[in-house]
N, C-alpha and C. Protein backbone atom coordinates (compact mmCIF):
# COMPACT_ATOMS: atom_id res chain seq x y z
N MET A 1 176.67 69.44 131.32
CA MET A 1 177.86 68.70 131.70
C MET A 1 178.96 69.72 132.02
N ARG A 2 179.60 69.54 133.14
CA ARG A 2 180.70 70.41 133.54
C ARG A 2 182.02 69.72 133.19
N LEU A 3 182.75 70.32 132.25
CA LEU A 3 184.02 69.74 131.81
C LEU A 3 185.14 70.02 132.80
N THR A 4 186.03 69.04 132.93
CA THR A 4 187.24 69.19 133.73
C THR A 4 188.40 68.63 132.92
N PRO A 5 189.62 69.01 133.25
CA PRO A 5 190.77 68.40 132.57
C PRO A 5 190.77 66.87 132.67
N ASP A 6 190.33 66.32 133.79
CA ASP A 6 190.29 64.86 133.95
C ASP A 6 189.33 64.22 132.94
N ILE A 7 188.20 64.87 132.68
CA ILE A 7 187.26 64.36 131.69
C ILE A 7 187.89 64.42 130.30
N LEU A 8 188.64 65.48 130.02
CA LEU A 8 189.31 65.58 128.72
C LEU A 8 190.34 64.47 128.56
N VAL A 9 191.11 64.22 129.60
CA VAL A 9 192.12 63.14 129.56
C VAL A 9 191.43 61.80 129.30
N SER A 10 190.36 61.54 130.00
CA SER A 10 189.65 60.27 129.84
C SER A 10 189.08 60.12 128.43
N THR A 11 188.58 61.21 127.87
CA THR A 11 188.04 61.17 126.52
C THR A 11 189.14 60.90 125.51
N TYR A 12 190.27 61.57 125.67
CA TYR A 12 191.43 61.36 124.81
C TYR A 12 191.90 59.90 124.89
N ASP A 13 192.03 59.40 126.12
CA ASP A 13 192.52 58.02 126.30
C ASP A 13 191.55 57.01 125.67
N MET A 14 190.26 57.23 125.81
CA MET A 14 189.28 56.34 125.22
C MET A 14 189.40 56.35 123.70
N LEU A 15 189.46 57.54 123.10
CA LEU A 15 189.58 57.63 121.64
C LEU A 15 190.89 57.03 121.14
N ARG A 16 191.95 57.17 121.92
CA ARG A 16 193.26 56.63 121.53
C ARG A 16 193.23 55.12 121.34
N THR A 17 192.27 54.45 121.98
CA THR A 17 192.17 53.00 121.87
C THR A 17 191.31 52.58 120.68
N CYS A 18 190.66 53.54 120.02
CA CYS A 18 189.76 53.26 118.89
C CYS A 18 190.48 53.47 117.57
N ALA A 19 190.03 52.70 116.55
CA ALA A 19 190.52 52.96 115.19
C ALA A 19 189.92 54.27 114.71
N PRO A 20 190.66 55.06 113.98
CA PRO A 20 192.01 54.83 113.50
C PRO A 20 193.09 55.32 114.45
N PHE A 21 192.69 55.95 115.56
CA PHE A 21 193.68 56.56 116.45
C PHE A 21 194.69 55.56 117.00
N ARG A 22 194.27 54.35 117.28
CA ARG A 22 195.21 53.39 117.89
C ARG A 22 196.39 53.08 116.98
N ARG A 23 196.21 53.21 115.67
CA ARG A 23 197.32 52.97 114.74
C ARG A 23 198.18 54.21 114.54
N TRP A 24 197.71 55.34 114.96
CA TRP A 24 198.41 56.59 114.71
C TRP A 24 199.52 56.88 115.73
N LYS A 25 199.61 56.10 116.77
CA LYS A 25 200.67 56.25 117.78
C LYS A 25 200.75 57.68 118.33
N LEU A 26 199.60 58.19 118.73
CA LEU A 26 199.56 59.53 119.33
C LEU A 26 200.24 59.52 120.69
N LEU A 27 200.66 60.69 121.12
CA LEU A 27 201.30 60.81 122.42
C LEU A 27 200.40 60.26 123.53
N HIS A 28 201.01 59.72 124.55
CA HIS A 28 200.27 59.31 125.74
C HIS A 28 199.68 60.56 126.38
N SER A 29 198.56 60.42 127.03
CA SER A 29 197.90 61.58 127.64
C SER A 29 198.78 62.29 128.67
N ASP A 30 199.72 61.57 129.28
CA ASP A 30 200.64 62.20 130.24
C ASP A 30 201.55 63.22 129.55
N ASP A 31 201.69 63.11 128.23
CA ASP A 31 202.58 64.00 127.49
C ASP A 31 201.84 65.12 126.75
N VAL A 32 200.55 65.26 127.04
CA VAL A 32 199.72 66.30 126.43
C VAL A 32 199.09 67.11 127.55
N VAL A 33 199.03 68.42 127.38
CA VAL A 33 198.35 69.29 128.34
C VAL A 33 196.89 69.38 127.90
N PHE A 34 195.99 69.28 128.86
CA PHE A 34 194.56 69.40 128.59
C PHE A 34 194.00 70.58 129.37
N GLU A 35 193.20 71.39 128.68
CA GLU A 35 192.70 72.62 129.28
C GLU A 35 191.23 72.83 128.88
N VAL A 36 190.43 73.22 129.86
CA VAL A 36 189.05 73.62 129.59
C VAL A 36 189.05 75.14 129.46
N THR A 37 188.49 75.63 128.36
CA THR A 37 188.41 77.08 128.14
C THR A 37 186.94 77.51 128.18
N HIS A 38 186.75 78.80 128.05
CA HIS A 38 185.38 79.35 128.02
C HIS A 38 185.18 80.17 126.76
N ARG A 39 185.84 79.76 125.69
CA ARG A 39 185.68 80.45 124.41
C ARG A 39 184.29 80.16 123.85
N LYS A 40 183.65 81.19 123.37
CA LYS A 40 182.29 81.04 122.87
C LYS A 40 182.23 80.63 121.40
N HIS A 41 183.24 80.96 120.62
CA HIS A 41 183.18 80.73 119.17
C HIS A 41 184.13 79.64 118.70
N GLU A 42 184.68 78.89 119.62
CA GLU A 42 185.64 77.85 119.27
C GLU A 42 185.43 76.66 120.20
N PHE A 43 185.10 75.50 119.64
CA PHE A 43 184.85 74.32 120.47
C PHE A 43 186.13 73.68 120.97
N GLY A 44 187.20 73.77 120.19
CA GLY A 44 188.45 73.16 120.60
C GLY A 44 189.62 73.74 119.84
N GLU A 45 190.82 73.44 120.33
CA GLU A 45 192.04 73.93 119.69
C GLU A 45 193.19 72.99 120.04
N TYR A 46 194.07 72.75 119.06
CA TYR A 46 195.30 72.01 119.30
C TYR A 46 196.47 72.96 119.13
N GLN A 47 197.37 72.97 120.10
CA GLN A 47 198.61 73.75 120.01
C GLN A 47 199.77 72.78 120.05
N ASP A 48 200.85 73.14 119.36
CA ASP A 48 201.95 72.20 119.19
C ASP A 48 203.00 72.22 120.28
N ILE A 49 203.36 73.37 120.82
CA ILE A 49 204.47 73.42 121.78
C ILE A 49 204.03 74.14 123.05
N PRO A 50 203.90 73.44 124.17
CA PRO A 50 203.89 71.99 124.28
C PRO A 50 202.59 71.44 123.69
N PRO A 51 202.54 70.15 123.39
CA PRO A 51 201.30 69.59 122.86
C PRO A 51 200.16 69.86 123.84
N LYS A 52 199.13 70.54 123.34
CA LYS A 52 198.03 70.95 124.22
C LYS A 52 196.71 70.89 123.47
N ILE A 53 195.72 70.28 124.09
CA ILE A 53 194.37 70.25 123.55
C ILE A 53 193.49 71.03 124.50
N SER A 54 192.89 72.09 123.96
CA SER A 54 191.96 72.91 124.72
C SER A 54 190.55 72.64 124.21
N VAL A 55 189.63 72.47 125.11
CA VAL A 55 188.23 72.22 124.75
C VAL A 55 187.36 73.21 125.51
N SER A 56 186.45 73.84 124.78
CA SER A 56 185.59 74.85 125.37
C SER A 56 184.49 74.22 126.21
N ALA A 57 184.15 74.88 127.29
CA ALA A 57 183.02 74.46 128.12
C ALA A 57 181.71 74.59 127.35
N ASN A 58 181.74 75.20 126.17
CA ASN A 58 180.55 75.28 125.33
C ASN A 58 180.15 73.93 124.76
N ASN A 59 181.01 72.93 124.87
CA ASN A 59 180.63 71.56 124.51
C ASN A 59 179.70 71.07 125.61
N LYS A 60 178.41 71.05 125.33
CA LYS A 60 177.41 70.79 126.37
C LYS A 60 177.01 69.32 126.50
N THR A 61 177.34 68.51 125.49
CA THR A 61 176.94 67.10 125.54
C THR A 61 178.16 66.21 125.36
N MET A 62 178.01 64.96 125.75
CA MET A 62 179.09 64.00 125.57
C MET A 62 179.40 63.84 124.09
N ASP A 63 178.37 63.84 123.24
CA ASP A 63 178.57 63.74 121.79
C ASP A 63 179.45 64.88 121.29
N GLU A 64 179.15 66.11 121.70
CA GLU A 64 179.96 67.27 121.27
C GLU A 64 181.39 67.13 121.77
N LEU A 65 181.55 66.72 123.01
CA LEU A 65 182.89 66.56 123.58
C LEU A 65 183.70 65.54 122.80
N VAL A 66 183.13 64.39 122.52
CA VAL A 66 183.87 63.33 121.83
C VAL A 66 184.23 63.77 120.41
N ARG A 67 183.29 64.39 119.71
CA ARG A 67 183.59 64.87 118.35
C ARG A 67 184.67 65.95 118.37
N THR A 68 184.58 66.85 119.32
CA THR A 68 185.59 67.92 119.42
C THR A 68 186.96 67.34 119.73
N MET A 69 187.03 66.41 120.67
CA MET A 69 188.32 65.80 121.01
C MET A 69 188.88 65.06 119.80
N ALA A 70 188.05 64.30 119.11
CA ALA A 70 188.51 63.56 117.93
C ALA A 70 189.03 64.53 116.87
N HIS A 71 188.35 65.65 116.69
CA HIS A 71 188.76 66.67 115.72
C HIS A 71 190.16 67.20 116.07
N GLU A 72 190.37 67.52 117.34
CA GLU A 72 191.67 68.05 117.76
C GLU A 72 192.74 66.97 117.68
N MET A 73 192.36 65.72 117.87
CA MET A 73 193.32 64.63 117.75
C MET A 73 193.78 64.44 116.31
N VAL A 74 192.94 64.79 115.35
CA VAL A 74 193.38 64.77 113.94
C VAL A 74 194.46 65.81 113.73
N HIS A 75 194.28 67.03 114.27
CA HIS A 75 195.33 68.05 114.18
C HIS A 75 196.61 67.55 114.85
N HIS A 76 196.47 66.94 116.01
CA HIS A 76 197.62 66.40 116.76
C HIS A 76 198.36 65.35 115.91
N TYR A 77 197.62 64.47 115.28
CA TYR A 77 198.22 63.44 114.42
C TYR A 77 198.99 64.07 113.28
N LEU A 78 198.38 65.02 112.59
CA LEU A 78 199.05 65.64 111.44
C LEU A 78 200.31 66.38 111.88
N HIS A 79 200.27 67.00 113.05
CA HIS A 79 201.46 67.68 113.57
C HIS A 79 202.55 66.65 113.88
N GLN A 80 202.19 65.57 114.55
CA GLN A 80 203.17 64.53 114.88
C GLN A 80 203.82 63.94 113.65
N LYS A 81 203.06 63.83 112.56
CA LYS A 81 203.58 63.27 111.32
C LYS A 81 204.46 64.27 110.57
N GLY A 82 204.54 65.50 111.05
CA GLY A 82 205.42 66.49 110.45
C GLY A 82 204.81 67.29 109.31
N PHE A 83 203.50 67.21 109.13
CA PHE A 83 202.86 67.99 108.07
C PHE A 83 202.85 69.47 108.45
N ARG A 84 203.27 70.30 107.53
CA ARG A 84 203.36 71.74 107.80
C ARG A 84 202.01 72.40 108.00
N SER A 85 200.99 71.89 107.35
CA SER A 85 199.67 72.52 107.44
C SER A 85 198.76 71.78 108.42
N TRP A 86 199.33 71.24 109.49
CA TRP A 86 198.56 70.47 110.47
C TRP A 86 197.43 71.28 111.10
N HIS A 87 197.59 72.60 111.15
CA HIS A 87 196.62 73.46 111.83
C HIS A 87 195.46 73.89 110.92
N LYS A 88 195.54 73.57 109.64
CA LYS A 88 194.51 73.99 108.68
C LYS A 88 193.54 72.85 108.38
N HIS A 89 192.40 73.23 107.83
CA HIS A 89 191.40 72.24 107.42
C HIS A 89 191.48 72.05 105.91
N GLY A 90 192.65 71.68 105.44
CA GLY A 90 192.87 71.45 104.02
C GLY A 90 192.67 69.99 103.67
N ALA A 91 193.25 69.61 102.52
CA ALA A 91 193.08 68.25 102.00
C ALA A 91 193.60 67.18 102.96
N LEU A 92 194.76 67.41 103.57
CA LEU A 92 195.31 66.42 104.52
C LEU A 92 194.37 66.21 105.70
N PHE A 93 193.93 67.32 106.26
CA PHE A 93 193.01 67.23 107.39
C PHE A 93 191.73 66.51 106.97
N ASN A 94 191.18 66.89 105.83
CA ASN A 94 189.92 66.31 105.38
C ASN A 94 190.03 64.80 105.16
N ARG A 95 191.16 64.33 104.64
CA ARG A 95 191.34 62.88 104.45
C ARG A 95 191.37 62.15 105.79
N ALA A 96 192.15 62.68 106.73
CA ALA A 96 192.23 62.04 108.05
C ALA A 96 190.88 62.14 108.77
N ALA A 97 190.23 63.28 108.68
CA ALA A 97 188.93 63.47 109.33
C ALA A 97 187.88 62.53 108.74
N SER A 98 187.93 62.34 107.43
CA SER A 98 186.98 61.44 106.77
C SER A 98 187.15 60.02 107.29
N LEU A 99 188.40 59.59 107.48
CA LEU A 99 188.67 58.26 108.03
C LEU A 99 188.11 58.14 109.45
N VAL A 100 188.35 59.15 110.27
CA VAL A 100 187.84 59.15 111.65
C VAL A 100 186.31 59.06 111.63
N CYS A 101 185.68 59.84 110.78
CA CYS A 101 184.22 59.84 110.71
C CYS A 101 183.68 58.48 110.28
N ARG A 102 184.33 57.86 109.30
CA ARG A 102 183.89 56.53 108.85
C ARG A 102 184.04 55.49 109.97
N LYS A 103 185.18 55.51 110.64
CA LYS A 103 185.46 54.50 111.66
C LYS A 103 184.59 54.68 112.91
N LEU A 104 184.30 55.94 113.27
CA LEU A 104 183.60 56.20 114.53
C LEU A 104 182.15 56.62 114.35
N GLY A 105 181.71 56.72 113.10
CA GLY A 105 180.30 57.01 112.85
C GLY A 105 179.91 58.46 113.03
N PHE A 106 180.85 59.37 112.92
CA PHE A 106 180.54 60.79 113.03
C PHE A 106 180.01 61.31 111.69
N ASP A 107 179.15 62.29 111.76
CA ASP A 107 178.67 62.98 110.56
C ASP A 107 179.77 63.96 110.14
N PRO A 108 180.34 63.80 108.94
CA PRO A 108 181.40 64.73 108.50
C PRO A 108 180.97 66.19 108.50
N ALA A 109 179.69 66.45 108.32
CA ALA A 109 179.20 67.83 108.30
C ALA A 109 179.32 68.51 109.66
N THR A 110 179.35 67.73 110.73
CA THR A 110 179.46 68.31 112.07
C THR A 110 180.83 68.09 112.69
N PHE A 111 181.75 67.52 111.92
CA PHE A 111 183.08 67.23 112.42
C PHE A 111 184.00 68.39 112.15
């Protein structure tokens, strides 16, 4: 699968309509920058200023892409809520990620 920014936007928009994301009031995709990278050791990244979600072309399947986007959307949510440790995989992240995994059927071990 060849990733493009348009595919990233579409994936974000689709997830935004699903629980729990629809209740989280995440930014509209027009207000987020989407970028395809070629990083080998990082599937995705969320940056805060400006809000930007980068996804590596190493995501080879739709399943990997959706899980990676959902993962970065958890970081985005925590940042929007004002949590200082939004960029870490600590207790706050794990609670939100666990909810996403339960609602969307992701395996927490691969999230």
